[in-house]
C-alpha cells in the first residue's frame, strides 16, 4: 500500500513557503539594498515636491518682482538646490531598470547557475520551472511596487514645480518624460537580465549582457515611441521666428514653393535681411514643424508601456522555454 504525499502549498506567486523563504534568505542583501534605495529616493522626491519646490517658487517670485531693478535680492540657493535635486533624483529613477537588470543577470540567475546553487535547489524537490517562476515572481512584485511608487512621486514632484519655476523641465524633455513612465520598464529589465543569465550562465557575462539588453531596450523605446503615434504638423509664415509648436519635435524646417521640405536652417524670421536672402535662395515660403503637443502625453506613455510590457512578456516566455529545453535535454542524456 502506497501513501500519497501532498504537494507543498503554494503562495500567490506560485512559490511554496519553503522556496519563498529560501529565496528571500539567499538574496537578503539585494532585498535590503532595493528597499533602502526605494526609501531614500522616495524621501528625496517627497522633499523635492514639497519644501524644495515651495522655496524655489518663492525664489522665482522674488526674482520676477524685481526685474529691471539695479539690485535684486532673491533666494538663488533655493532655485539651484531644486535644480540639483531634481536632476539627481530623475537620473536615479531612470537608472533603476539597469540596476535591476544587472542584479537579475549577475546574481539572481547567472550567479546561481555558475555556483551550482540552482542545481542544488533542483535536487531538493524544486523543479527548474518552479524555481524560475519564483525567481521572477517575487523580485518582479517587489520591483513593480518600488518602481511604481517612485514614478508616481517623481511625476508629483514635477507637477508641483511645473508652473511656478521658470527653469523647470518641460514635460517633453527626454529625462522627465521617461522618468514619469512607463511603469513596467524595470520589469523588462528583470526578465531581460534573467534571460541573459540563463543563456550565459556566468555572473560577469550575465551582468554585461543584462545591462546591454536593457540599454538597447531604452534606446529602442525612445526612438520608436514618438514615431508610433500620429504627430501633428503645423505651418507658419516666414515672418515668424521659426517653426511653431512646442513638445516632442520629430522634424522641422522650411517649405519651398513646390512643397519640398528642407531641414531647418536655424536662421530666424525673414524680417532679417540675412535670413530673407537665405530663404529666397531656397525659394522658401514658410516654416513647418512635426511634433507631439502636450495633449499626446498619455497616448505616448501608454504606447511606451505597451512596448515594454511586450518585451517583458516575451523575454519571460523565452526564459521559461530555454530552461525547459535545457533541463529536458539533460534528463534525456541521463
Protein backbone atom coordinates (compact mmCIF):
# COMPACT_ATOMS: atom_id res chain seq x y z
CA UNK A 1 0.00 0.00 0.00
CA UNK A 2 1.46 3.34 -1.00
CA UNK A 3 0.97 6.66 0.72
CA UNK A 4 0.46 9.75 -1.40
CA UNK A 5 2.43 12.81 -0.41
CA UNK A 6 0.54 16.06 -0.62
CA UNK A 7 2.33 18.76 -2.56
CA UNK A 8 3.61 21.74 -0.64
CA UNK A 9 1.12 24.62 -0.59
CA UNK A 10 1.96 27.47 -2.85
CA UNK A 11 1.77 31.21 -2.36
CA UNK A 12 0.11 33.69 -4.69
CA UNK A 13 3.41 34.00 -6.54
CA UNK A 14 3.45 30.29 -7.37
CA UNK A 15 6.31 29.50 -4.95
CA UNK A 16 5.99 27.24 -1.91
CA UNK A 17 6.58 28.88 1.50
CA UNK A 18 9.84 26.90 1.78
CA UNK A 19 11.04 28.12 -1.61
CA UNK A 20 9.97 31.67 -0.83
CA UNK A 21 11.89 31.69 2.48
CA UNK A 22 14.93 30.22 0.77
CA UNK A 23 14.79 32.83 -1.99
CA UNK A 24 14.49 35.75 0.45
CA UNK A 25 17.27 34.38 2.65
CA UNK A 26 19.61 33.80 -0.27
CA UNK A 27 19.11 37.29 -1.70
CA UNK A 28 18.63 39.17 1.56
CA UNK A 29 21.40 41.73 0.80
CA UNK A 30 19.77 42.61 -2.52
CA UNK A 31 16.40 42.99 -0.77
CA UNK A 32 17.95 45.37 1.77
CA UNK A 33 19.67 47.40 -0.95
CA UNK A 34 16.48 47.65 -3.03
CA UNK A 35 14.37 48.65 -0.02
CA UNK A 36 16.91 51.26 1.08
CA UNK A 37 17.19 52.65 -2.46
CA UNK A 38 13.42 52.99 -2.84
CA UNK A 39 13.01 54.59 0.60
CA UNK A 40 15.84 57.08 0.10
CA UNK A 41 14.62 58.07 -3.36
CA UNK A 42 11.01 58.31 -2.14
CA UNK A 43 12.08 60.60 0.71
CA UNK A 44 14.11 62.76 -1.71
CA UNK A 45 11.17 63.03 -4.13
CA UNK A 46 8.78 63.96 -1.31
CA UNK A 47 11.24 66.65 -0.23
CA UNK A 48 11.60 67.80 -3.83
CA UNK A 49 7.84 68.03 -4.42
CA UNK A 50 7.22 69.79 -1.09
CA UNK A 51 9.62 72.14 0.74
CA UNK A 52 12.18 72.36 -2.08
CA UNK A 53 9.58 73.33 -4.68
CA UNK A 54 7.91 75.83 -2.35
CA UNK A 55 11.26 77.52 -1.65
CA UNK A 56 12.19 77.59 -5.35
CA UNK A 57 8.78 79.04 -6.33
CA UNK A 58 9.22 81.77 -3.72
CA UNK A 59 12.70 82.49 -5.06
CA UNK A 60 11.39 82.89 -8.61
CA UNK A 61 8.59 85.18 -7.42
CA UNK A 62 11.18 87.35 -5.71
CA UNK A 63 13.26 87.41 -8.88
CA UNK A 64 10.28 88.25 -11.12
CA UNK A 65 9.19 91.05 -8.80
CA UNK A 66 12.48 92.91 -9.12
CA UNK A 67 13.22 92.50 -12.80
CA UNK A 68 14.56 95.75 -14.22
CA UNK A 69 15.87 96.90 -10.86
CA UNK A 70 19.57 97.64 -10.44
CA UNK A 71 19.76 95.38 -7.38
CA UNK A 72 17.72 92.31 -6.58
CA UNK A 73 17.52 90.09 -3.50
CA UNK A 74 16.12 86.62 -4.11
CA UNK A 75 16.77 83.12 -2.83
CA UNK A 76 19.12 81.85 -5.53
CA UNK A 77 20.29 78.96 -3.36
CA UNK A 78 16.74 77.55 -3.22
CA UNK A 79 16.45 77.66 -7.00
CA UNK A 80 19.80 75.94 -7.54
CA UNK A 81 19.07 73.36 -4.83
CA UNK A 82 15.77 72.45 -6.53
CA UNK A 83 17.54 72.09 -9.88
CA UNK A 84 20.27 69.83 -8.47
CA UNK A 85 17.94 67.55 -6.52
CA UNK A 86 15.55 67.27 -9.48
CA UNK A 87 18.41 66.27 -11.79
CA UNK A 88 19.88 63.70 -9.39
CA UNK A 89 16.56 62.06 -8.49
CA UNK A 90 15.42 61.95 -12.13
CA UNK A 91 18.51 60.14 -13.31
CA UNK A 92 18.37 57.84 -10.29
CA UNK A 93 14.82 56.79 -11.25
CA UNK A 94 15.98 56.21 -14.83
CA UNK A 95 18.89 54.08 -13.60
CA UNK A 96 16.68 51.66 -11.64
CA UNK A 97 15.97 49.32 -14.61
CA UNK A 98 19.72 49.00 -15.17
CA UNK A 99 20.25 48.18 -11.50
CA UNK A 100 17.51 45.53 -11.63
CA UNK A 101 18.77 44.05 -14.92
CA UNK A 102 22.35 43.83 -13.72
CA UNK A 103 21.35 42.15 -10.47
CA UNK A 104 18.97 39.74 -12.21
CA UNK A 105 21.59 38.62 -14.67
CA UNK A 106 24.63 38.52 -12.38
CA UNK A 107 23.19 37.32 -9.07
CA UNK A 108 19.60 36.14 -9.35
CA UNK A 109 20.17 33.78 -12.29
CA UNK A 110 23.70 33.80 -13.70
CA UNK A 111 25.46 33.67 -10.35
CA UNK A 112 23.35 30.77 -9.06
CA UNK A 113 23.89 28.75 -12.23
CA UNK A 114 27.62 29.39 -12.09
CA UNK A 115 27.96 28.47 -8.39
CA UNK A 116 25.69 25.42 -8.62
CA UNK A 117 23.12 26.78 -6.15
CA UNK A 118 20.38 26.41 -8.75
CA UNK A 119 21.21 22.75 -9.41
CA UNK A 120 21.20 22.10 -5.65
CA UNK A 121 17.68 23.51 -5.44
CA UNK A 122 16.58 21.30 -8.33
CA UNK A 123 17.72 18.21 -6.41
CA UNK A 124 15.65 19.23 -3.37
CA UNK A 125 12.27 18.71 -5.00
CA UNK A 126 12.06 22.10 -6.73
CA UNK A 127 11.60 21.80 -10.48
CA UNK A 128 13.59 24.17 -12.71
CA UNK A 129 10.38 25.75 -13.99
CA UNK A 130 9.09 26.36 -10.48
CA UNK A 131 12.50 27.67 -9.45
CA UNK A 132 12.45 30.20 -12.32
CA UNK A 133 8.84 31.17 -11.59
CA UNK A 134 9.76 32.05 -8.02
CA UNK A 135 12.86 33.87 -9.22
CA UNK A 136 10.76 36.11 -11.46
CA UNK A 137 7.55 36.44 -9.44
CA UNK A 138 8.93 37.55 -6.07
CA UNK A 139 11.50 40.07 -7.36
CA UNK A 140 9.00 41.14 -10.02
CA UNK A 141 6.40 42.04 -7.40
CA UNK A 142 8.94 43.97 -5.32
CA UNK A 143 10.31 45.70 -8.43
CA UNK A 144 6.85 46.70 -9.67
CA UNK A 145 5.77 48.15 -6.31
CA UNK A 146 9.00 50.07 -5.77
CA UNK A 147 9.23 51.42 -9.30
CA UNK A 148 5.55 52.43 -9.42
CA UNK A 149 5.91 54.34 -6.14
CA UNK A 150 8.95 56.27 -7.37
CA UNK A 151 7.43 57.09 -10.76
CA UNK A 152 4.26 58.43 -9.10
CA UNK A 153 6.30 60.52 -6.65
CA UNK A 154 8.50 61.83 -9.46
CA UNK A 155 5.50 62.96 -11.50
CA UNK A 156 4.01 64.56 -8.38
CA UNK A 157 7.24 66.49 -7.78
CA UNK A 158 7.42 67.60 -11.41
CA UNK A 159 3.80 68.80 -11.41
CA UNK A 160 4.41 70.79 -8.22
CA UNK A 161 7.02 72.96 -9.93
CA UNK A 162 5.70 72.97 -13.50
CA UNK A 163 4.09 76.43 -13.46
CA UNK A 164 5.91 78.12 -10.58
CA UNK A 165 9.56 77.53 -11.52
CA UNK A 166 10.76 79.24 -14.68
CA UNK A 167 13.58 76.75 -15.27
CA UNK A 168 11.50 73.62 -14.56
CA UNK A 169 11.97 70.89 -17.14
CA UNK A 170 9.14 70.69 -19.70
CA UNK A 171 7.12 67.51 -19.99
CA UNK A 172 8.80 66.78 -23.33
CA UNK A 173 12.38 66.74 -22.05
CA UNK A 174 13.82 63.26 -22.52
CA UNK A 175 14.70 62.53 -18.90
CA UNK A 176 11.47 63.97 -17.46
CA UNK A 177 9.17 62.16 -19.90
CA UNK A 178 10.70 58.74 -19.26
CA UNK A 179 11.16 59.21 -15.51
CA UNK A 180 7.40 59.84 -15.35
CA UNK A 181 6.80 56.45 -17.02
CA UNK A 182 6.32 53.89 -18.37
CA UNK A 183 5.99 51.97 -15.13
CA UNK A 184 6.95 48.41 -16.17
CA UNK A 185 10.37 49.21 -17.67
CA UNK A 186 12.10 47.78 -14.59
CA UNK A 187 10.14 44.54 -15.07
CA UNK A 188 11.53 44.30 -18.60
CA UNK A 189 14.98 44.81 -17.12
CA UNK A 190 14.33 41.96 -14.68
CA UNK A 191 13.15 39.49 -17.32
CA UNK A 192 15.82 40.53 -19.83
CA UNK A 193 18.51 40.10 -17.18
CA UNK A 194 17.12 36.71 -16.22
CA UNK A 195 17.05 35.56 -19.84
CA UNK A 196 20.66 36.65 -20.40
CA UNK A 197 21.65 34.94 -17.14
CA UNK A 198 20.11 31.67 -18.31
CA UNK A 199 21.78 31.98 -21.70
CA UNK A 200 25.27 32.87 -20.45
CA UNK A 201 25.28 31.01 -17.08
CA UNK A 202 28.16 33.19 -15.83
CA UNK A 203 27.75 36.09 -13.42
CA UNK A 204 30.02 38.61 -15.16
CA UNK A 205 28.80 37.77 -18.66
CA UNK A 206 25.19 37.95 -17.48
CA UNK A 207 25.84 41.31 -15.80
CA UNK A 208 27.21 42.83 -19.01
CA UNK A 209 24.52 41.19 -21.14
CA UNK A 210 21.66 42.26 -18.88
CA UNK A 211 22.85 45.88 -18.81
CA UNK A 212 23.37 45.90 -22.58
CA UNK A 213 19.93 44.43 -23.28
CA UNK A 214 18.21 46.99 -21.04
CA UNK A 215 20.15 49.90 -22.57
CA UNK A 216 19.17 48.64 -26.02
CA UNK A 217 15.53 48.49 -24.91
CA UNK A 218 15.72 52.07 -23.60
CA UNK A 219 17.19 53.29 -26.87
CA UNK A 220 14.58 51.45 -28.92
CA UNK A 221 11.70 52.81 -26.84
CA UNK A 222 12.98 56.38 -27.11
CA UNK A 223 13.33 56.11 -30.87
CA UNK A 224 10.11 54.20 -31.51
CA UNK A 225 7.51 55.74 -29.20
CA UNK A 226 7.30 59.22 -30.83
CA UNK A 227 7.00 57.59 -34.27
CA UNK A 228 4.36 55.02 -33.41
CA UNK A 229 1.71 57.60 -32.55
CA UNK A 230 0.47 60.12 -35.18
CA UNK A 231 2.16 63.50 -34.81
CA UNK A 232 0.84 66.99 -35.58
CA UNK A 233 2.26 69.18 -38.37
CA UNK A 234 1.88 72.97 -38.32
CA UNK A 235 2.79 75.55 -40.97
CA UNK A 236 3.66 79.22 -40.36
CA UNK A 237 4.85 82.12 -42.46
CA UNK A 238 8.44 83.20 -42.78
CA UNK A 239 7.82 86.28 -40.64
CA UNK A 240 7.75 84.05 -37.56
CA UNK A 241 10.98 83.42 -35.68
CA UNK A 242 10.98 79.82 -36.84
CA UNK A 243 8.86 76.65 -36.86
CA UNK A 244 5.97 76.83 -34.39
CA UNK A 245 4.84 74.20 -31.90
CA UNK A 246 6.25 73.03 -28.60
CA UNK A 247 6.57 69.43 -27.47
CA UNK A 248 8.48 66.42 -28.74
CA UNK A 249 9.70 67.57 -32.15
CA UNK A 250 10.24 64.95 -34.84
CA UNK A 251 11.04 67.19 -37.78
CA UNK A 252 11.10 70.90 -38.64
CA UNK A 253 12.34 73.21 -41.34
CA UNK A 254 11.12 75.30 -44.26
CA UNK A 255 8.71 74.58 -47.09
CA UNK A 256 9.58 75.65 -50.64
CA UNK A 257 7.17 76.93 -53.28
CA UNK A 258 6.85 73.49 -54.86
CA UNK A 259 6.05 71.85 -51.48
CA UNK A 260 9.50 70.40 -50.82
CA UNK A 261 10.52 70.27 -47.16
CA UNK A 262 14.03 71.47 -46.38
CA UNK A 263 15.69 70.87 -42.97
CA UNK A 264 15.69 73.83 -40.61
CA UNK A 265 18.46 76.32 -41.39
CA UNK A 266 18.07 77.95 -37.94
CA UNK A 267 18.17 81.48 -39.23
CA UNK A 268 15.01 83.09 -37.81
CA UNK A 269 12.44 85.46 -39.18
CA UNK A 270 12.52 86.67 -42.75
CA UNK A 271 12.36 90.20 -41.30
CA UNK A 272 16.13 89.97 -41.01
CA UNK A 273 17.77 90.73 -44.40
CA UNK A 274 20.34 87.97 -43.97
CA UNK A 275 17.61 85.38 -43.36
CA UNK A 276 15.48 86.73 -46.19
CA UNK A 277 18.42 86.14 -48.56
CA UNK A 278 18.76 82.56 -47.32
CA UNK A 279 15.04 81.85 -47.79
CA UNK A 280 14.99 83.47 -51.23
CA UNK A 281 17.84 81.22 -52.28
CA UNK A 282 15.85 78.18 -51.14
CA UNK A 283 12.61 79.53 -52.66
CA UNK A 284 11.08 79.03 -49.19
CA UNK A 285 7.53 80.18 -48.48
CA UNK A 286 7.05 79.11 -44.84
CA UNK A 287 8.08 77.01 -41.87
CA UNK A 288 6.80 73.57 -40.91
CA UNK A 289 7.06 71.57 -37.70
CA UNK A 290 6.04 67.98 -36.98
CA UNK A 291 5.74 67.36 -33.26
CA UNK A 292 3.75 65.90 -30.37
CA UNK A 293 1.90 68.53 -28.27
CA UNK A 294 1.16 68.11 -24.57
CA UNK A 295 -2.21 66.51 -25.40
CA UNK A 296 -0.26 63.49 -26.69
CA UNK A 297 1.41 62.88 -23.32
CA UNK A 298 -0.72 59.95 -22.17
CA UNK A 299 -1.06 58.27 -25.59
CA UNK A 300 2.74 58.31 -25.86
CA UNK A 301 3.12 56.96 -22.34
CA UNK A 302 0.70 54.11 -22.99
CA UNK A 303 2.45 53.33 -26.27
CA UNK A 304 5.76 53.06 -24.44
CA UNK A 305 4.15 50.97 -21.71
CA UNK A 306 2.79 48.55 -24.29
CA UNK A 307 6.21 48.10 -25.88
CA UNK A 308 7.95 47.48 -22.56
CA UNK A 309 5.26 45.08 -21.34
CA UNK A 310 5.51 43.13 -24.59
CA UNK A 311 9.28 42.87 -24.19
CA UNK A 312 8.89 41.76 -20.56
CA UNK A 313 6.38 39.04 -21.50
CA UNK A 314 8.38 37.81 -24.49
CA UNK A 315 11.66 37.64 -22.57
CA UNK A 316 9.93 35.80 -19.71
CA UNK A 317 8.43 33.27 -22.16
CA UNK A 318 11.85 32.87 -23.79
CA UNK A 319 13.44 32.26 -20.37
CA UNK A 320 10.93 29.52 -19.47
CA UNK A 321 11.33 27.93 -22.91
CA UNK A 322 15.11 27.95 -22.60
CA UNK A 323 15.23 26.38 -19.13
CA UNK A 324 12.64 23.74 -20.11
CA UNK A 325 14.64 22.71 -23.18
CA UNK A 326 17.93 22.58 -21.32
CA UNK A 327 16.63 20.51 -18.43
CA UNK A 328 14.75 18.19 -20.80
CA UNK A 329 17.95 17.70 -22.84
CA UNK A 330 19.93 16.86 -19.69
CA UNK A 331 17.25 14.46 -18.47
CA UNK A 332 17.24 12.62 -21.80
CA UNK A 333 21.00 12.09 -21.62
CA UNK A 334 20.94 10.63 -18.09
